[in-house]
Amino acid sequence: MSPFWNRERRTEAAPTPENTKRLHVRFVGRVQGVGFRWTASMVARRLSLTGWVRNELDGSVTAEIQGESEHVGAFFSQMLEEMSRGGRTSYTIDKRDEIPVVRGEREFVVRY
């Protein structure tokens, strides 16, 4: 039998650096209908962060952001810069908690 047909699907975990941290964040203000989630995913991917972002029923946006400490910190400044272009939105961080790291996480996604 050909080796092609015998290949097992590998799902190796992504390496997680020692200085990795994960934050659970709640953004409030004008954050829905202004490209906030799309911008968050673009910034996170640019910084090689993993996690997710989603709209909440109360009009807020919740995210979990994971990566090397300096990249997580850069996420917030880059979000502010991106979202302030053209006066798209005004927001604040209502809640920001450090939570356990999710080992092996590979990407940043928009949840629905």
PDB file of N, CA and C in Angstrom:
ATOM      1  N   MET A   1       0.839  -1.189   0.000  1.00  0.00           N
ATOM      2  CA  MET A   1       0.000   0.000   0.000  1.00  0.00           C
ATOM      3  C   MET A   1       0.885   1.254   0.000  1.00  0.00           C
ATOM      4  N   SER A   2       0.478   2.233  -0.689  1.00  0.00           N
ATOM      5  CA  SER A   2       1.232   3.480  -0.810  1.00  0.00           C
ATOM      6  C   SER A   2       1.322   4.203   0.523  1.00  0.00           C
ATOM      7  N   PRO A   3       2.491   4.826   0.827  1.00  0.00           N
ATOM      8  CA  PRO A   3       2.621   5.593   2.074  1.00  0.00           C
ATOM      9  C   PRO A   3       1.610   6.740   2.150  1.00  0.00           C
ATOM     10  N   PHE A   4       1.183   7.242   0.986  1.00  0.00           N
ATOM     11  CA  PHE A   4       0.197   8.318   0.964  1.00  0.00           C
ATOM     12  C   PHE A   4      -1.083   7.891   1.672  1.00  0.00           C
ATOM     13  N   TRP A   5      -1.519   6.677   1.419  1.00  0.00           N
ATOM     14  CA  TRP A   5      -2.775   6.198   1.993  1.00  0.00           C
ATOM     15  C   TRP A   5      -2.635   5.797   3.449  1.00  0.00           C
ATOM     16  N   ASN A   6      -1.415   5.563   3.904  1.00  0.00           N
ATOM     17  CA  ASN A   6      -1.193   5.141   5.279  1.00  0.00           C
ATOM     18  C   ASN A   6      -0.904   6.293   6.243  1.00  0.00           C
ATOM     19  N   ARG A   7      -0.864   7.500   5.743  1.00  0.00           N
ATOM     20  CA  ARG A   7      -0.516   8.632   6.615  1.00  0.00           C
ATOM     21  C   ARG A   7      -1.577   8.828   7.692  1.00  0.00           C
ATOM     22  N   GLU A   8      -1.095   8.939   8.887  1.00  0.00           N
ATOM     23  CA  GLU A   8      -1.995   9.268   9.989  1.00  0.00           C
ATOM     24  C   GLU A   8      -2.053  10.771  10.112  1.00  0.00           C
ATOM     25  N   ARG A   9      -3.205  11.281  10.429  1.00  0.00           N
ATOM     26  CA  ARG A   9      -3.339  12.716  10.610  1.00  0.00           C
ATOM     27  C   ARG A   9      -2.685  13.107  11.930  1.00  0.00           C
ATOM     28  N   ARG A  10      -1.726  14.024  11.857  1.00  0.00           N
ATOM     29  CA  ARG A  10      -1.016  14.462  13.059  1.00  0.00           C
ATOM     30  C   ARG A  10      -1.611  15.761  13.564  1.00  0.00           C
ATOM     31  N   THR A  11      -1.792  15.823  14.849  1.00  0.00           N
ATOM     32  CA  THR A  11      -2.280  17.051  15.472  1.00  0.00           C
ATOM     33  C   THR A  11      -1.345  17.384  16.618  1.00  0.00           C
ATOM     34  N   GLU A  12      -0.137  17.786  16.235  1.00  0.00           N
ATOM     35  CA  GLU A  12       0.854  18.122  17.239  1.00  0.00           C
ATOM     36  C   GLU A  12       0.516  19.462  17.872  1.00  0.00           C
ATOM     37  N   ALA A  13       0.694  19.536  19.154  1.00  0.00           N
ATOM     38  CA  ALA A  13       0.419  20.782  19.863  1.00  0.00           C
ATOM     39  C   ALA A  13       1.475  21.824  19.511  1.00  0.00           C
ATOM     40  N   ALA A  14       1.006  23.062  19.403  1.00  0.00           N
ATOM     41  CA  ALA A  14       1.938  24.166  19.164  1.00  0.00           C
ATOM     42  C   ALA A  14       2.760  24.394  20.424  1.00  0.00           C
ATOM     43  N   PRO A  15       4.034  24.702  20.280  1.00  0.00           N
ATOM     44  CA  PRO A  15       4.841  24.974  21.469  1.00  0.00           C
ATOM     45  C   PRO A  15       4.344  26.233  22.176  1.00  0.00           C
ATOM     46  N   THR A  16       4.377  26.223  23.481  1.00  0.00           N
ATOM     47  CA  THR A  16       3.925  27.362  24.275  1.00  0.00           C
ATOM     48  C   THR A  16       5.123  27.921  25.032  1.00  0.00           C
ATOM     49  N   PRO A  17       5.593  29.128  24.653  1.00  0.00           N
ATOM     50  CA  PRO A  17       6.752  29.720  25.347  1.00  0.00           C
ATOM     51  C   PRO A  17       6.489  29.920  26.837  1.00  0.00           C
ATOM     52  N   GLU A  18       7.562  29.941  27.608  1.00  0.00           N
ATOM     53  CA  GLU A  18       7.468  30.085  29.060  1.00  0.00           C
ATOM     54  C   GLU A  18       6.828  31.395  29.505  1.00  0.00           C
ATOM     55  N   ASN A  19       7.056  32.486  28.775  1.00  0.00           N
ATOM     56  CA  ASN A  19       6.523  33.793  29.193  1.00  0.00           C
ATOM     57  C   ASN A  19       5.142  34.073  28.614  1.00  0.00           C
ATOM     58  N   THR A  20       4.415  33.003  28.270  1.00  0.00           N
ATOM     59  CA  THR A  20       3.066  33.146  27.722  1.00  0.00           C
ATOM     60  C   THR A  20       2.084  33.488  28.832  1.00  0.00           C
ATOM     61  N   LYS A  21       1.151  34.406  28.495  1.00  0.00           N
ATOM     62  CA  LYS A  21       0.055  34.692  29.418  1.00  0.00           C
ATOM     63  C   LYS A  21      -1.232  34.789  28.631  1.00  0.00           C
ATOM     64  N   ARG A  22      -2.352  34.676  29.344  1.00  0.00           N
ATOM     65  CA  ARG A  22      -3.677  34.730  28.725  1.00  0.00           C
ATOM     66  C   ARG A  22      -4.536  35.682  29.537  1.00  0.00           C
ATOM     67  N   LEU A  23      -5.206  36.579  28.826  1.00  0.00           N
ATOM     68  CA  LEU A  23      -6.098  37.536  29.475  1.00  0.00           C
ATOM     69  C   LEU A  23      -7.518  37.342  28.980  1.00  0.00           C
ATOM     70  N   HIS A  24      -8.459  37.464  29.901  1.00  0.00           N
ATOM     71  CA  HIS A  24      -9.887  37.526  29.573  1.00  0.00           C
ATOM     72  C   HIS A  24     -10.262  38.999  29.696  1.00  0.00           C
ATOM     73  N   VAL A  25     -10.778  39.577  28.607  1.00  0.00           N
ATOM     74  CA  VAL A  25     -11.012  41.014  28.552  1.00  0.00           C
ATOM     75  C   VAL A  25     -12.435  41.292  28.087  1.00  0.00           C
ATOM     76  N   ARG A  26     -13.059  42.303  28.713  1.00  0.00           N
ATOM     77  CA  ARG A  26     -14.389  42.772  28.296  1.00  0.00           C
ATOM     78  C   ARG A  26     -14.263  44.229  27.876  1.00  0.00           C
ATOM     79  N   PHE A  27     -14.594  44.490  26.604  1.00  0.00           N
ATOM     80  CA  PHE A  27     -14.562  45.836  26.049  1.00  0.00           C
ATOM     81  C   PHE A  27     -15.989  46.385  26.019  1.00  0.00           C
ATOM     82  N   VAL A  28     -16.170  47.626  26.439  1.00  0.00           N
ATOM     83  CA  VAL A  28     -17.487  48.269  26.399  1.00  0.00           C
ATOM     84  C   VAL A  28     -17.373  49.602  25.668  1.00  0.00           C
ATOM     85  N   GLY A  29     -18.507  50.113  25.242  1.00  0.00           N
ATOM     86  CA  GLY A  29     -18.555  51.351  24.476  1.00  0.00           C
ATOM     87  C   GLY A  29     -19.100  51.043  23.097  1.00  0.00           C
ATOM     88  N   ARG A  30     -18.665  51.787  22.131  1.00  0.00           N
ATOM     89  CA  ARG A  30     -19.110  51.557  20.747  1.00  0.00           C
ATOM     90  C   ARG A  30     -18.193  50.512  20.122  1.00  0.00           C
ATOM     91  N   VAL A  31     -18.515  49.255  20.366  1.00  0.00           N
ATOM     92  CA  VAL A  31     -17.647  48.154  19.936  1.00  0.00           C
ATOM     93  C   VAL A  31     -18.326  47.154  19.002  1.00  0.00           C
ATOM     94  N   GLN A  32     -19.612  47.300  18.777  1.00  0.00           N
ATOM     95  CA  GLN A  32     -20.301  46.404  17.851  1.00  0.00           C
ATOM     96  C   GLN A  32     -20.741  47.192  16.626  1.00  0.00           C
ATOM     97  N   GLY A  33     -20.602  46.559  15.455  1.00  0.00           N
ATOM     98  CA  GLY A  33     -20.989  47.198  14.204  1.00  0.00           C
ATOM     99  C   GLY A  33     -19.959  48.187  13.678  1.00  0.00           C
ATOM    100  N   VAL A  34     -18.736  48.145  14.205  1.00  0.00           N
ATOM    101  CA  VAL A  34     -17.679  49.083  13.794  1.00  0.00           C
ATOM    102  C   VAL A  34     -16.395  48.365  13.371  1.00  0.00           C
ATOM    103  N   GLY A  35     -16.465  47.052  13.173  1.00  0.00           N
ATOM    104  CA  GLY A  35     -15.281  46.295  12.767  1.00  0.00           C
ATOM    105  C   GLY A  35     -14.344  45.943  13.908  1.00  0.00           C
ATOM    106  N   PHE A  36     -14.844  45.992  15.133  1.00  0.00           N
ATOM    107  CA  PHE A  36     -13.993  45.742  16.292  1.00  0.00           C
ATOM    108  C   PHE A  36     -13.435  44.321  16.292  1.00  0.00           C
ATOM    109  N   ARG A  37     -14.287  43.326  16.074  1.00  0.00           N
ATOM    110  CA  ARG A  37     -13.817  41.930  16.094  1.00  0.00           C
ATOM    111  C   ARG A  37     -12.835  41.656  14.966  1.00  0.00           C
ATOM    112  N   TRP A  38     -13.133  42.168  13.784  1.00  0.00           N
ATOM    113  CA  TRP A  38     -12.238  41.982  12.650  1.00  0.00           C
ATOM    114  C   TRP A  38     -10.879  42.614  12.952  1.00  0.00           C
ATOM    115  N   THR A  39     -10.899  43.838  13.506  1.00  0.00           N
ATOM    116  CA  THR A  39      -9.656  44.528  13.845  1.00  0.00           C
ATOM    117  C   THR A  39      -8.890  43.759  14.914  1.00  0.00           C
ATOM    118  N   ALA A  40      -9.596  43.257  15.925  1.00  0.00           N
ATOM    119  CA  ALA A  40      -8.944  42.477  16.982  1.00  0.00           C
ATOM    120  C   ALA A  40      -8.269  41.242  16.411  1.00  0.00           C
ATOM    121  N   SER A  41      -8.937  40.556  15.494  1.00  0.00           N
ATOM    122  CA  SER A  41      -8.322  39.351  14.915  1.00  0.00           C
ATOM    123  C   SER A  41      -7.126  39.719  14.039  1.00  0.00           C
ATOM    124  N   MET A  42      -7.204  40.828  13.305  1.00  0.00           N
ATOM    125  CA  MET A  42      -6.087  41.265  12.474  1.00  0.00           C
ATOM    126  C   MET A  42      -4.870  41.611  13.342  1.00  0.00           C
ATOM    127  N   VAL A  43      -5.098  42.375  14.418  1.00  0.00           N
ATOM    128  CA  VAL A  43      -4.001  42.770  15.311  1.00  0.00           C
ATOM    129  C   VAL A  43      -3.421  41.538  16.004  1.00  0.00           C
ATOM    130  N   ALA A  44      -4.278  40.648  16.490  1.00  0.00           N
ATOM    131  CA  ALA A  44      -3.812  39.444  17.178  1.00  0.00           C
ATOM    132  C   ALA A  44      -2.962  38.575  16.260  1.00  0.00           C
ATOM    133  N   ARG A  45      -3.415  38.396  15.051  1.00  0.00           N
ATOM    134  CA  ARG A  45      -2.650  37.568  14.111  1.00  0.00           C
ATOM    135  C   ARG A  45      -1.321  38.210  13.763  1.00  0.00           C
ATOM    136  N   ARG A  46      -1.321  39.528  13.607  1.00  0.00           N
ATOM    137  CA  ARG A  46      -0.080  40.253  13.295  1.00  0.00           C
ATOM    138  C   ARG A  46       0.946  40.070  14.420  1.00  0.00           C
ATOM    139  N   LEU A  47       0.461  39.962  15.651  1.00  0.00           N
ATOM    140  CA  LEU A  47       1.334  39.805  16.816  1.00  0.00           C
ATOM    141  C   LEU A  47       1.554  38.338  17.204  1.00  0.00           C
ATOM    142  N   SER A  48       1.061  37.414  16.395  1.00  0.00           N
ATOM    143  CA  SER A  48       1.177  35.964  16.652  1.00  0.00           C
ATOM    144  C   SER A  48       0.512  35.563  17.962  1.00  0.00           C
ATOM    145  N   LEU A  49      -0.628  36.172  18.255  1.00  0.00           N
ATOM    146  CA  LEU A  49      -1.401  35.826  19.447  1.00  0.00           C
ATOM    147  C   LEU A  49      -2.445  34.785  19.086  1.00  0.00           C
ATOM    148  N   THR A  50      -2.909  34.064  20.083  1.00  0.00           N
ATOM    149  CA  THR A  50      -3.994  33.109  19.901  1.00  0.00           C
ATOM    150  C   THR A  50      -5.141  33.511  20.818  1.00  0.00           C
ATOM    151  N   GLY A  51      -6.275  32.847  20.636  1.00  0.00           N
ATOM    152  CA  GLY A  51      -7.438  33.119  21.479  1.00  0.00           C
ATOM    153  C   GLY A  51      -8.674  33.331  20.628  1.00  0.00           C
ATOM    154  N   TRP A  52      -9.559  34.199  21.115  1.00  0.00           N
ATOM    155  CA  TRP A  52     -10.820  34.438  20.420  1.00  0.00           C
ATOM    156  C   TRP A  52     -11.410  35.785  20.819  1.00  0.00           C
ATOM    157  N   VAL A  53     -12.406  36.224  20.030  1.00  0.00           N
ATOM    158  CA  VAL A  53     -13.150  37.452  20.297  1.00  0.00           C
ATOM    159  C   VAL A  53     -14.601  37.217  19.872  1.00  0.00           C
ATOM    160  N   ARG A  54     -15.574  37.782  20.613  1.00  0.00           N
ATOM    161  CA  ARG A  54     -16.980  37.622  20.230  1.00  0.00           C
ATOM    162  C   ARG A  54     -17.821  38.782  20.765  1.00  0.00           C
ATOM    163  N   ASN A  55     -18.913  39.060  20.057  1.00  0.00           N
ATOM    164  CA  ASN A  55     -19.908  40.025  20.519  1.00  0.00           C
ATOM    165  C   ASN A  55     -20.749  39.384  21.603  1.00  0.00           C
ATOM    166  N   GLU A  56     -21.172  40.191  22.559  1.00  0.00           N
ATOM    167  CA  GLU A  56     -22.068  39.723  23.615  1.00  0.00           C
ATOM    168  C   GLU A  56     -23.439  40.367  23.433  1.00  0.00           C
ATOM    169  N   LEU A  57     -24.464  39.745  23.983  1.00  0.00           N
ATOM    170  CA  LEU A  57     -25.826  40.249  23.849  1.00  0.00           C
ATOM    171  C   LEU A  57     -26.021  41.630  24.475  1.00  0.00           C
ATOM    172  N   ASP A  58     -25.209  41.967  25.475  1.00  0.00           N
ATOM    173  CA  ASP A  58     -25.357  43.260  26.150  1.00  0.00           C
ATOM    174  C   ASP A  58     -24.675  44.408  25.408  1.00  0.00           C
ATOM    175  N   GLY A  59     -24.114  44.138  24.220  1.00  0.00           N
ATOM    176  CA  GLY A  59     -23.459  45.173  23.427  1.00  0.00           C
ATOM    177  C   GLY A  59     -21.960  45.279  23.650  1.00  0.00           C
ATOM    178  N   SER A  60     -21.420  44.490  24.563  1.00  0.00           N
ATOM    179  CA  SER A  60     -19.976  44.492  24.806  1.00  0.00           C
ATOM    180  C   SER A  60     -19.299  43.478  23.887  1.00  0.00           C
ATOM    181  N   VAL A  61     -17.989  43.441  23.942  1.00  0.00           N
ATOM    182  CA  VAL A  61     -17.197  42.447  23.219  1.00  0.00           C
ATOM    183  C   VAL A  61     -16.278  41.786  24.233  1.00  0.00           C
ATOM    184  N   THR A  62     -16.214  40.471  24.207  1.00  0.00           N
ATOM    185  CA  THR A  62     -15.353  39.701  25.097  1.00  0.00           C
ATOM    186  C   THR A  62     -14.261  39.039  24.267  1.00  0.00           C
ATOM    187  N   ALA A  63     -13.071  38.961  24.844  1.00  0.00           N
ATOM    188  CA  ALA A  63     -11.952  38.304  24.151  1.00  0.00           C
ATOM    189  C   ALA A  63     -11.086  37.575  25.154  1.00  0.00           C
ATOM    190  N   GLU A  64     -10.442  36.530  24.673  1.00  0.00           N
ATOM    191  CA  GLU A  64      -9.351  35.895  25.399  1.00  0.00           C
ATOM    192  C   GLU A  64      -8.139  36.007  24.495  1.00  0.00           C
ATOM    193  N   ILE A  65      -7.087  36.598  25.027  1.00  0.00           N
ATOM    194  CA  ILE A  65      -5.890  36.921  24.255  1.00  0.00           C
ATOM    195  C   ILE A  65      -4.710  36.217  24.904  1.00  0.00           C
ATOM    196  N   GLN A  66      -3.971  35.436  24.117  1.00  0.00           N
ATOM    197  CA  GLN A  66      -2.862  34.661  24.652  1.00  0.00           C
ATOM    198  C   GLN A  66      -1.624  34.816  23.793  1.00  0.00           C
ATOM    199  N   GLY A  67      -0.496  34.947  24.458  1.00  0.00           N
ATOM    200  CA  GLY A  67       0.775  34.998  23.746  1.00  0.00           C
ATOM    201  C   GLY A  67       1.872  35.445  24.685  1.00  0.00           C
ATOM    202  N   GLU A  68       3.031  35.726  24.090  1.00  0.00           N
ATOM    203  CA  GLU A  68       4.145  36.216  24.886  1.00  0.00           C
ATOM    204  C   GLU A  68       3.761  37.562  25.492  1.00  0.00           C
ATOM    205  N   SER A  69       4.196  37.787  26.720  1.00  0.00           N
ATOM    206  CA  SER A  69       3.772  38.959  27.492  1.00  0.00           C
ATOM    207  C   SER A  69       3.868  40.268  26.725  1.00  0.00           C
ATOM    208  N   GLU A  70       5.006  40.497  26.056  1.00  0.00           N
ATOM    209  CA  GLU A  70       5.179  41.776  25.350  1.00  0.00           C
ATOM    210  C   GLU A  70       4.220  41.902  24.169  1.00  0.00           C
ATOM    211  N   HIS A  71       3.860  40.794  23.542  1.00  0.00           N
ATOM    212  CA  HIS A  71       2.916  40.837  22.425  1.00  0.00           C
ATOM    213  C   HIS A  71       1.495  41.083  22.920  1.00  0.00           C
ATOM    214  N   VAL A  72       1.150  40.498  24.066  1.00  0.00           N
ATOM    215  CA  VAL A  72      -0.166  40.751  24.647  1.00  0.00           C
ATOM    216  C   VAL A  72      -0.296  42.237  24.995  1.00  0.00           C
ATOM    217  N   GLY A  73       0.740  42.803  25.581  1.00  0.00           N
ATOM    218  CA  GLY A  73       0.727  44.231  25.905  1.00  0.00           C
ATOM    219  C   GLY A  73       0.601  45.094  24.663  1.00  0.00           C
ATOM    220  N   ALA A  74       1.301  44.721  23.600  1.00  0.00           N
ATOM    221  CA  ALA A  74       1.245  45.476  22.345  1.00  0.00           C
ATOM    222  C   ALA A  74      -0.141  45.412  21.707  1.00  0.00           C
ATOM    223  N   PHE A  75      -0.889  44.339  21.966  1.00  0.00           N
ATOM    224  CA  PHE A  75      -2.235  44.198  21.412  1.00  0.00           C
ATOM    225  C   PHE A  75      -3.090  45.411  21.771  1.00  0.00           C
ATOM    226  N   PHE A  76      -3.048  45.832  23.021  1.00  0.00           N
ATOM    227  CA  PHE A  76      -3.918  46.913  23.474  1.00  0.00           C
ATOM    228  C   PHE A  76      -3.553  48.250  22.837  1.00  0.00           C
ATOM    229  N   SER A  77      -2.285  48.550  22.732  1.00  0.00           N
ATOM    230  CA  SER A  77      -1.887  49.815  22.101  1.00  0.00           C
ATOM    231  C   SER A  77      -2.196  49.804  20.606  1.00  0.00           C
ATOM    232  N   GLN A  78      -1.998  48.664  19.949  1.00  0.00           N
ATOM    233  CA  GLN A  78      -2.296  48.589  18.523  1.00  0.00           C
ATOM    234  C   GLN A  78      -3.792  48.629  18.254  1.00  0.00           C
ATOM    235  N   MET A  79      -4.592  48.048  19.140  1.00  0.00           N
ATOM    236  CA  MET A  79      -6.053  48.135  18.994  1.00  0.00           C
ATOM    237  C   MET A  79      -6.509  49.582  19.103  1.00  0.00           C
ATOM    238  N   LEU A  80      -5.989  50.282  20.087  1.00  0.00           N
ATOM    239  CA  LEU A  80      -6.357  51.688  20.270  1.00  0.00           C
ATOM    240  C   LEU A  80      -5.989  52.497  19.029  1.00  0.00           C
ATOM    241  N   GLU A  81      -4.811  52.269  18.505  1.00  0.00           N
ATOM    242  CA  GLU A  81      -4.357  52.978  17.303  1.00  0.00           C
ATOM    243  C   GLU A  81      -5.247  52.662  16.103  1.00  0.00           C
ATOM    244  N   GLU A  82      -5.517  51.380  15.880  1.00  0.00           N
ATOM    245  CA  GLU A  82      -6.335  50.961  14.736  1.00  0.00           C
ATOM    246  C   GLU A  82      -7.774  51.478  14.843  1.00  0.00           C
ATOM    247  N   MET A  83      -8.364  51.369  16.010  1.00  0.00           N
ATOM    248  CA  MET A  83      -9.768  51.746  16.173  1.00  0.00           C
ATOM    249  C   MET A  83      -9.976  53.256  16.229  1.00  0.00           C
ATOM    250  N   SER A  84      -8.949  54.015  16.531  1.00  0.00           N
ATOM    251  CA  SER A  84      -9.111  55.469  16.588  1.00  0.00           C
ATOM    252  C   SER A  84      -8.967  56.120  15.216  1.00  0.00           C
ATOM    253  N   ARG A  85      -8.460  55.384  14.237  1.00  0.00           N
ATOM    254  CA  ARG A  85      -8.349  55.912  12.872  1.00  0.00           C
ATOM    255  C   ARG A  85      -9.736  56.222  12.333  1.00  0.00           C
ATOM    256  N   GLY A  86      -9.924  57.424  11.908  1.00  0.00           N
ATOM    257  CA  GLY A  86     -11.212  57.821  11.336  1.00  0.00           C
ATOM    258  C   GLY A  86     -12.324  57.923  12.364  1.00  0.00           C
ATOM    259  N   GLY A  87     -11.967  57.938  13.641  1.00  0.00           N
ATOM    260  CA  GLY A  87     -12.989  58.063  14.692  1.00  0.00           C
ATOM    261  C   GLY A  87     -14.000  56.940  14.698  1.00  0.00           C
ATOM    262  N   ARG A  88     -13.538  55.719  14.378  1.00  0.00           N
ATOM    263  CA  ARG A  88     -14.472  54.593  14.268  1.00  0.00           C
ATOM    264  C   ARG A  88     -15.155  54.225  15.572  1.00  0.00           C
ATOM    265  N   THR A  89     -14.458  54.368  16.681  1.00  0.00           N
ATOM    266  CA  THR A  89     -15.080  53.914  17.921  1.00  0.00           C
ATOM    267  C   THR A  89     -14.426  54.527  19.138  1.00  0.00           C
ATOM    268  N   SER A  90     -15.146  54.457  20.198  1.00  0.00           N
ATOM    269  CA  SER A  90     -14.640  54.857  21.508  1.00  0.00           C
ATOM    270  C   SER A  90     -14.989  53.712  22.459  1.00  0.00           C
ATOM    271  N   TYR A  91     -14.006  53.198  23.139  1.00  0.00           N
ATOM    272  CA  TYR A  91     -14.267  52.061  24.025  1.00  0.00           C
ATOM    273  C   TYR A  91     -13.379  52.125  25.249  1.00  0.00           C
ATOM    274  N   THR A  92     -13.766  51.362  26.246  1.00  0.00           N
ATOM    275  CA  THR A  92     -12.940  51.187  27.434  1.00  0.00           C
ATOM    276  C   THR A  92     -12.879  49.699  27.752  1.00  0.00           C
ATOM    277  N   ILE A  93     -11.907  49.356  28.572  1.00  0.00           N
ATOM    278  CA  ILE A  93     -11.787  47.978  29.047  1.00  0.00           C
ATOM    279  C   ILE A  93     -12.466  47.922  30.404  1.00  0.00           C
ATOM    280  N   ASP A  94     -13.567  47.194  30.452  1.00  0.00           N
ATOM    281  CA  ASP A  94     -14.377  47.086  31.667  1.00  0.00           C
ATOM    282  C   ASP A  94     -13.824  46.033  32.624  1.00  0.00           C
ATOM    283  N   LYS A  95     -13.197  45.016  32.060  1.00  0.00           N
ATOM    284  CA  LYS A  95     -12.699  43.897  32.870  1.00  0.00           C
ATOM    285  C   LYS A  95     -11.476  43.322  32.190  1.00  0.00           C
ATOM    286  N   ARG A  96     -10.453  43.019  32.969  1.00  0.00           N
ATOM    287  CA  ARG A  96      -9.212  42.448  32.423  1.00  0.00           C
ATOM    288  C   ARG A  96      -8.617  41.536  33.488  1.00  0.00           C
ATOM    289  N   ASP A  97      -8.710  40.239  33.270  1.00  0.00           N
ATOM    290  CA  ASP A  97      -8.230  39.253  34.238  1.00  0.00           C
ATOM    291  C   ASP A  97      -7.238  38.309  33.587  1.00  0.00           C
ATOM    292  N   GLU A  98      -6.173  37.996  34.303  1.00  0.00           N
ATOM    293  CA  GLU A  98      -5.255  36.967  33.830  1.00  0.00           C
ATOM    294  C   GLU A  98      -5.860  35.613  34.184  1.00  0.00           C
ATOM    295  N   ILE A  99      -5.875  34.713  33.208  1.00  0.00           N
ATOM    296  CA  ILE A  99      -6.467  33.387  33.384  1.00  0.00           C
ATOM    297  C   ILE A  99      -5.451  32.334  32.932  1.00  0.00           C
ATOM    298  N   PRO A 100      -5.715  31.053  33.215  1.00  0.00           N
ATOM    299  CA  PRO A 100      -4.756  30.008  32.827  1.00  0.00           C
ATOM    300  C   PRO A 100      -4.531  29.944  31.314  1.00  0.00           C
ATOM    301  N   VAL A 101      -3.303  29.668  30.934  1.00  0.00           N
ATOM    302  CA  VAL A 101      -2.902  29.526  29.540  1.00  0.00           C
ATOM    303  C   VAL A 101      -3.529  28.265  28.955  1.00  0.00           C
ATOM    304  N   VAL A 102      -3.944  28.336  27.698  1.00  0.00           N
ATOM    305  CA  VAL A 102      -4.453  27.168  26.984  1.00  0.00           C
ATOM    306  C   VAL A 102      -3.295  26.623  26.148  1.00  0.00           C
ATOM    307  N   ARG A 103      -2.717  25.530  26.589  1.00  0.00           N
ATOM    308  CA  ARG A 103      -1.560  24.936  25.918  1.00  0.00           C
ATOM    309  C   ARG A 103      -1.956  24.380  24.550  1.00  0.00           C
ATOM    310  N   GLY A 104      -1.090  24.599  23.577  1.00  0.00           N
ATOM    311  CA  GLY A 104      -1.301  24.044  22.251  1.00  0.00           C
ATOM    312  C   GLY A 104      -2.265  24.803  21.368  1.00  0.00           C
ATOM    313  N   GLU A 105      -2.801  25.911  21.828  1.00  0.00           N
ATOM    314  CA  GLU A 105      -3.711  26.700  21.003  1.00  0.00           C
ATOM    315  C   GLU A 105      -2.949  27.246  19.793  1.00  0.00           C
ATOM    316  N   ARG A 106      -3.573  27.221  18.613  1.00  0.00           N
ATOM    317  CA  ARG A 106      -2.854  27.546  17.386  1.00  0.00           C
ATOM    318  C   ARG A 106      -3.274  28.835  16.694  1.00  0.00           C
ATOM    319  N   GLU A 107      -4.454  29.376  16.984  1.00  0.00           N
ATOM    320  CA  GLU A 107      -4.910  30.523  16.210  1.00  0.00           C
ATOM    321  C   GLU A 107      -5.795  31.449  17.020  1.00  0.00           C
ATOM    322  N   PHE A 108      -6.074  32.590  16.423  1.00  0.00           N
ATOM    323  CA  PHE A 108      -7.004  33.565  16.991  1.00  0.00           C
ATOM    324  C   PHE A 108      -8.229  33.563  16.093  1.00  0.00           C
ATOM    325  N   VAL A 109      -9.410  33.389  16.684  1.00  0.00           N
ATOM    326  CA  VAL A 109     -10.627  33.261  15.889  1.00  0.00           C
ATOM    327  C   VAL A 109     -11.703  34.238  16.366  1.00  0.00           C
ATOM    328  N   VAL A 110     -12.598  34.558  15.435  1.00  0.00           N
ATOM    329  CA  VAL A 110     -13.789  35.327  15.765  1.00  0.00           C
ATOM    330  C   VAL A 110     -14.882  34.306  16.047  1.00  0.00           C
ATOM    331  N   ARG A 111     -15.460  34.399  17.235  1.00  0.00           N
ATOM    332  CA  ARG A 111     -16.554  33.482  17.597  1.00  0.00           C
ATOM    333  C   ARG A 111     -17.887  34.179  17.359  1.00  0.00           C
ATOM    334  N   TYR A 112     -18.882  33.364  17.034  1.00  0.00           N
ATOM    335  CA  TYR A 112     -20.228  33.887  16.780  1.00  0.00           C
ATOM    336  C   TYR A 112     -21.222  33.283  17.729  1.00  0.00           C
TER     337      TYR A 112
END
